[in-house]
Amino acid sequence: MTCCRCGRAAEVPVLVRIIETISGPMRGNYACLPCGQWFGSRADAPDWLKRDLLARESAQ
């Protein structure tokens, strides 16, 4: 999978955004872990992303 921010291959992809569409299924944007942490540090980051990143950190 390719990171939506830096364009590099993401070995451990992180879902950073869910895109809702008017018709059809929702889709998501995925990032590599460093870029996922960048997305998670933003003020407008969704709570579920912050929880996911925290769970990944505690699992390591």
PDB file of N, CA and C in Angstrom:
ATOM      1  N   MET A   1       0.849  -1.165   0.000  1.00  0.00           N
ATOM      2  CA  MET A   1       0.000   0.000   0.000  1.00  0.00           C
ATOM      3  C   MET A   1       0.899   1.234   0.000  1.00  0.00           C
ATOM      4  N   THR A   2       0.463   2.272  -0.669  1.00  0.00           N
ATOM      5  CA  THR A   2       1.239   3.502  -0.783  1.00  0.00           C
ATOM      6  C   THR A   2       0.703   4.554   0.180  1.00  0.00           C
ATOM      7  N   CYS A   3       1.600   5.277   0.819  1.00  0.00           N
ATOM      8  CA  CYS A   3       1.227   6.332   1.761  1.00  0.00           C
ATOM      9  C   CYS A   3       0.603   7.502   0.997  1.00  0.00           C
ATOM     10  N   CYS A   4      -0.498   8.018   1.504  1.00  0.00           N
ATOM     11  CA  CYS A   4      -1.201   9.124   0.850  1.00  0.00           C
ATOM     12  C   CYS A   4      -0.487  10.461   1.042  1.00  0.00           C
ATOM     13  N   ARG A   5       0.482  10.521   1.951  1.00  0.00           N
ATOM     14  CA  ARG A   5       1.189  11.792   2.207  1.00  0.00           C
ATOM     15  C   ARG A   5       2.544  11.825   1.517  1.00  0.00           C
ATOM     16  N   CYS A   6       3.381  10.811   1.735  1.00  0.00           N
ATOM     17  CA  CYS A   6       4.748  10.845   1.202  1.00  0.00           C
ATOM     18  C   CYS A   6       4.916  10.009  -0.057  1.00  0.00           C
ATOM     19  N   GLY A   7       3.976   9.111  -0.341  1.00  0.00           N
ATOM     20  CA  GLY A   7       4.029   8.306  -1.546  1.00  0.00           C
ATOM     21  C   GLY A   7       4.908   7.072  -1.455  1.00  0.00           C
ATOM     22  N   ARG A   8       5.520   6.846  -0.305  1.00  0.00           N
ATOM     23  CA  ARG A   8       6.351   5.643  -0.138  1.00  0.00           C
ATOM     24  C   ARG A   8       5.483   4.447   0.233  1.00  0.00           C
ATOM     25  N   ALA A   9       6.063   3.266   0.089  1.00  0.00           N
ATOM     26  CA  ALA A   9       5.350   2.043   0.459  1.00  0.00           C
ATOM     27  C   ALA A   9       5.156   2.005   1.970  1.00  0.00           C
ATOM     28  N   ALA A  10       3.959   1.698   2.394  1.00  0.00           N
ATOM     29  CA  ALA A  10       3.635   1.621   3.823  1.00  0.00           C
ATOM     30  C   ALA A  10       3.575   0.159   4.219  1.00  0.00           C
ATOM     31  N   GLU A  11       4.597  -0.308   4.953  1.00  0.00           N
ATOM     32  CA  GLU A  11       4.614  -1.702   5.394  1.00  0.00           C
ATOM     33  C   GLU A  11       3.509  -1.963   6.410  1.00  0.00           C
ATOM     34  N   VAL A  12       3.287  -1.006   7.283  1.00  0.00           N
ATOM     35  CA  VAL A  12       2.229  -1.099   8.287  1.00  0.00           C
ATOM     36  C   VAL A  12       1.300   0.098   8.062  1.00  0.00           C
ATOM     37  N   PRO A  13       0.322  -0.034   7.149  1.00  0.00           N
ATOM     38  CA  PRO A  13      -0.532   1.110   6.831  1.00  0.00           C
ATOM     39  C   PRO A  13      -1.429   1.515   7.998  1.00  0.00           C
ATOM     40  N   VAL A  14      -1.658   2.818   8.091  1.00  0.00           N
ATOM     41  CA  VAL A  14      -2.510   3.396   9.124  1.00  0.00           C
ATOM     42  C   VAL A  14      -3.662   4.106   8.415  1.00  0.00           C
ATOM     43  N   LEU A  15      -4.885   3.754   8.758  1.00  0.00           N
ATOM     44  CA  LEU A  15      -6.047   4.445   8.210  1.00  0.00           C
ATOM     45  C   LEU A  15      -6.096   5.833   8.828  1.00  0.00           C
ATOM     46  N   VAL A  16      -6.005   6.884   7.996  1.00  0.00           N
ATOM     47  CA  VAL A  16      -5.959   8.241   8.533  1.00  0.00           C
ATOM     48  C   VAL A  16      -7.203   9.060   8.207  1.00  0.00           C
ATOM     49  N   ARG A  17      -7.957   8.627   7.221  1.00  0.00           N
ATOM     50  CA  ARG A  17      -9.148   9.392   6.859  1.00  0.00           C
ATOM     51  C   ARG A  17     -10.144   8.480   6.178  1.00  0.00           C
ATOM     52  N   ILE A  18     -11.412   8.642   6.528  1.00  0.00           N
ATOM     53  CA  ILE A  18     -12.501   7.914   5.881  1.00  0.00           C
ATOM     54  C   ILE A  18     -13.234   8.910   4.996  1.00  0.00           C
ATOM     55  N   ILE A  19     -13.346   8.579   3.730  1.00  0.00           N
ATOM     56  CA  ILE A  19     -13.996   9.469   2.776  1.00  0.00           C
ATOM     57  C   ILE A  19     -15.381   8.922   2.489  1.00  0.00           C
ATOM     58  N   GLU A  20     -16.391   9.702   2.839  1.00  0.00           N
ATOM     59  CA  GLU A  20     -17.771   9.305   2.590  1.00  0.00           C
ATOM     60  C   GLU A  20     -18.186   9.792   1.209  1.00  0.00           C
ATOM     61  N   THR A  21     -18.894   8.953   0.487  1.00  0.00           N
ATOM     62  CA  THR A  21     -19.370   9.312  -0.837  1.00  0.00           C
ATOM     63  C   THR A  21     -20.890   9.339  -0.846  1.00  0.00           C
ATOM     64  N   ILE A  22     -21.430  10.045  -1.800  1.00  0.00           N
ATOM     65  CA  ILE A  22     -22.891  10.134  -1.909  1.00  0.00           C
ATOM     66  C   ILE A  22     -23.462   8.792  -2.346  1.00  0.00           C
ATOM     67  N   SER A  23     -22.796   8.172  -3.308  1.00  0.00           N
ATOM     68  CA  SER A  23     -23.253   6.854  -3.742  1.00  0.00           C
ATOM     69  C   SER A  23     -22.068   5.899  -3.713  1.00  0.00           C
ATOM     70  N   GLY A  24     -22.335   4.699  -3.347  1.00  0.00           N
ATOM     71  CA  GLY A  24     -21.268   3.706  -3.286  1.00  0.00           C
ATOM     72  C   GLY A  24     -20.650   3.615  -1.908  1.00  0.00           C
ATOM     73  N   PRO A  25     -19.711   2.691  -1.767  1.00  0.00           N
ATOM     74  CA  PRO A  25     -19.104   2.459  -0.455  1.00  0.00           C
ATOM     75  C   PRO A  25     -18.115   3.573  -0.071  1.00  0.00           C
ATOM     76  N   MET A  26     -17.890   3.694   1.226  1.00  0.00           N
ATOM     77  CA  MET A  26     -16.889   4.630   1.712  1.00  0.00           C
ATOM     78  C   MET A  26     -15.514   4.071   1.379  1.00  0.00           C
ATOM     79  N   ARG A  27     -14.527   4.960   1.322  1.00  0.00           N
ATOM     80  CA  ARG A  27     -13.169   4.496   1.113  1.00  0.00           C
ATOM     81  C   ARG A  27     -12.266   5.215   2.103  1.00  0.00           C
ATOM     82  N   GLY A  28     -11.059   4.735   2.235  1.00  0.00           N
ATOM     83  CA  GLY A  28     -10.159   5.312   3.212  1.00  0.00           C
ATOM     84  C   GLY A  28      -8.836   5.726   2.608  1.00  0.00           C
ATOM     85  N   ASN A  29      -8.176   6.666   3.252  1.00  0.00           N
ATOM     86  CA  ASN A  29      -6.810   7.046   2.921  1.00  0.00           C
ATOM     87  C   ASN A  29      -5.895   6.405   3.945  1.00  0.00           C
ATOM     88  N   TYR A  30      -4.822   5.818   3.469  1.00  0.00           N
ATOM     89  CA  TYR A  30      -3.869   5.142   4.338  1.00  0.00           C
ATOM     90  C   TYR A  30      -2.516   5.830   4.246  1.00  0.00           C
ATOM     91  N   ALA A  31      -1.772   5.781   5.343  1.00  0.00           N
ATOM     92  CA  ALA A  31      -0.450   6.400   5.414  1.00  0.00           C
ATOM     93  C   ALA A  31       0.526   5.429   6.068  1.00  0.00           C
ATOM     94  N   CYS A  32       1.822   5.685   5.871  1.00  0.00           N
ATOM     95  CA  CYS A  32       2.833   4.930   6.603  1.00  0.00           C
ATOM     96  C   CYS A  32       2.772   5.394   8.066  1.00  0.00           C
ATOM     97  N   LEU A  33       3.409   4.672   8.948  1.00  0.00           N
ATOM     98  CA  LEU A  33       3.319   4.990  10.372  1.00  0.00           C
ATOM     99  C   LEU A  33       3.829   6.397  10.710  1.00  0.00           C
ATOM    100  N   PRO A  34       4.999   6.841  10.195  1.00  0.00           N
ATOM    101  CA  PRO A  34       5.438   8.211  10.512  1.00  0.00           C
ATOM    102  C   PRO A  34       4.458   9.279  10.033  1.00  0.00           C
ATOM    103  N   CYS A  35       3.936   9.112   8.826  1.00  0.00           N
ATOM    104  CA  CYS A  35       2.958  10.088   8.325  1.00  0.00           C
ATOM    105  C   CYS A  35       1.631   9.951   9.079  1.00  0.00           C
ATOM    106  N   GLY A  36       1.279   8.737   9.482  1.00  0.00           N
ATOM    107  CA  GLY A  36       0.078   8.542  10.293  1.00  0.00           C
ATOM    108  C   GLY A  36       0.182   9.280  11.611  1.00  0.00           C
ATOM    109  N   GLN A  37       1.364   9.283  12.198  1.00  0.00           N
ATOM    110  CA  GLN A  37       1.582  10.036  13.438  1.00  0.00           C
ATOM    111  C   GLN A  37       1.461  11.538  13.187  1.00  0.00           C
ATOM    112  N   TRP A  38       1.924  11.984  12.013  1.00  0.00           N
ATOM    113  CA  TRP A  38       1.766  13.400  11.654  1.00  0.00           C
ATOM    114  C   TRP A  38       0.283  13.755  11.559  1.00  0.00           C
ATOM    115  N   PHE A  39      -0.498  12.908  10.859  1.00  0.00           N
ATOM    116  CA  PHE A  39      -1.941  13.143  10.754  1.00  0.00           C
ATOM    117  C   PHE A  39      -2.583  13.134  12.141  1.00  0.00           C
ATOM    118  N   GLY A  40      -2.158  12.224  13.006  1.00  0.00           N
ATOM    119  CA  GLY A  40      -2.728  12.116  14.349  1.00  0.00           C
ATOM    120  C   GLY A  40      -2.400  13.287  15.249  1.00  0.00           C
ATOM    121  N   SER A  41      -1.317  14.011  14.960  1.00  0.00           N
ATOM    122  CA  SER A  41      -0.933  15.156  15.798  1.00  0.00           C
ATOM    123  C   SER A  41      -1.649  16.444  15.407  1.00  0.00           C
ATOM    124  N   ARG A  42      -2.337  16.421  14.308  1.00  0.00           N
ATOM    125  CA  ARG A  42      -3.051  17.625  13.861  1.00  0.00           C
ATOM    126  C   ARG A  42      -4.270  17.892  14.749  1.00  0.00           C
ATOM    127  N   ALA A  43      -4.627  19.145  14.866  1.00  0.00           N
ATOM    128  CA  ALA A  43      -5.761  19.532  15.713  1.00  0.00           C
ATOM    129  C   ALA A  43      -7.083  18.963  15.195  1.00  0.00           C
ATOM    130  N   ASP A  44      -7.196  18.781  13.878  1.00  0.00           N
ATOM    131  CA  ASP A  44      -8.449  18.282  13.305  1.00  0.00           C
ATOM    132  C   ASP A  44      -8.475  16.758  13.139  1.00  0.00           C
ATOM    133  N   ALA A  45      -7.513  16.069  13.736  1.00  0.00           N
ATOM    134  CA  ALA A  45      -7.467  14.601  13.638  1.00  0.00           C
ATOM    135  C   ALA A  45      -8.655  13.991  14.378  1.00  0.00           C
ATOM    136  N   PRO A  46      -9.274  12.984  13.787  1.00  0.00           N
ATOM    137  CA  PRO A  46     -10.400  12.342  14.472  1.00  0.00           C
ATOM    138  C   PRO A  46      -9.930  11.577  15.710  1.00  0.00           C
ATOM    139  N   ASP A  47     -10.805  11.462  16.678  1.00  0.00           N
ATOM    140  CA  ASP A  47     -10.466  10.774  17.927  1.00  0.00           C
ATOM    141  C   ASP A  47     -10.086   9.318  17.693  1.00  0.00           C
ATOM    142  N   TRP A  48     -10.755   8.640  16.740  1.00  0.00           N
ATOM    143  CA  TRP A  48     -10.454   7.235  16.491  1.00  0.00           C
ATOM    144  C   TRP A  48      -9.027   7.061  15.990  1.00  0.00           C
ATOM    145  N   LEU A  49      -8.492   8.044  15.255  1.00  0.00           N
ATOM    146  CA  LEU A  49      -7.113   7.950  14.778  1.00  0.00           C
ATOM    147  C   LEU A  49      -6.138   8.084  15.947  1.00  0.00           C
ATOM    148  N   LYS A  50      -6.410   9.008  16.839  1.00  0.00           N
ATOM    149  CA  LYS A  50      -5.548   9.187  18.012  1.00  0.00           C
ATOM    150  C   LYS A  50      -5.552   7.926  18.877  1.00  0.00           C
ATOM    151  N   ARG A  51      -6.732   7.297  19.064  1.00  0.00           N
ATOM    152  CA  ARG A  51      -6.825   6.058  19.843  1.00  0.00           C
ATOM    153  C   ARG A  51      -6.070   4.920  19.172  1.00  0.00           C
ATOM    154  N   ASP A  52      -6.179   4.821  17.843  1.00  0.00           N
ATOM    155  CA  ASP A  52      -5.480   3.775  17.105  1.00  0.00           C
ATOM    156  C   ASP A  52      -3.964   3.934  17.228  1.00  0.00           C
ATOM    157  N   LEU A  53      -3.471   5.141  17.093  1.00  0.00           N
ATOM    158  CA  LEU A  53      -2.036   5.374  17.200  1.00  0.00           C
ATOM    159  C   LEU A  53      -1.537   5.098  18.616  1.00  0.00           C
ATOM    160  N   LEU A  54      -2.326   5.470  19.626  1.00  0.00           N
ATOM    161  CA  LEU A  54      -1.955   5.203  21.006  1.00  0.00           C
ATOM    162  C   LEU A  54      -1.907   3.702  21.268  1.00  0.00           C
ATOM    163  N   ALA A  55      -2.869   2.963  20.724  1.00  0.00           N
ATOM    164  CA  ALA A  55      -2.882   1.500  20.894  1.00  0.00           C
ATOM    165  C   ALA A  55      -1.675   0.864  20.205  1.00  0.00           C
ATOM    166  N   ARG A  56      -1.281   1.375  19.053  1.00  0.00           N
ATOM    167  CA  ARG A  56      -0.099   0.847  18.358  1.00  0.00           C
ATOM    168  C   ARG A  56       1.162   1.107  19.162  1.00  0.00           C
ATOM    169  N   GLU A  57       1.260   2.289  19.770  1.00  0.00           N
ATOM    170  CA  GLU A  57       2.440   2.617  20.580  1.00  0.00           C
ATOM    171  C   GLU A  57       2.518   1.722  21.818  1.00  0.00           C
ATOM    172  N   SER A  58       1.401   1.484  22.455  1.00  0.00           N
ATOM    173  CA  SER A  58       1.423   0.670  23.674  1.00  0.00           C
ATOM    174  C   SER A  58       1.667  -0.809  23.366  1.00  0.00           C
ATOM    175  N   ALA A  59       1.358  -1.240  22.151  1.00  0.00           N
ATOM    176  CA  ALA A  59       1.571  -2.633  21.766  1.00  0.00           C
ATOM    177  C   ALA A  59       3.044  -2.926  21.467  1.00  0.00           C
ATOM    178  N   GLN A  60       3.802  -1.895  21.198  1.00  0.00           N
ATOM    179  CA  GLN A  60       5.227  -2.102  20.854  1.00  0.00           C
ATOM    180  C   GLN A  60       6.080  -2.288  22.054  1.00  0.00           C
TER     181      GLN A  60
END
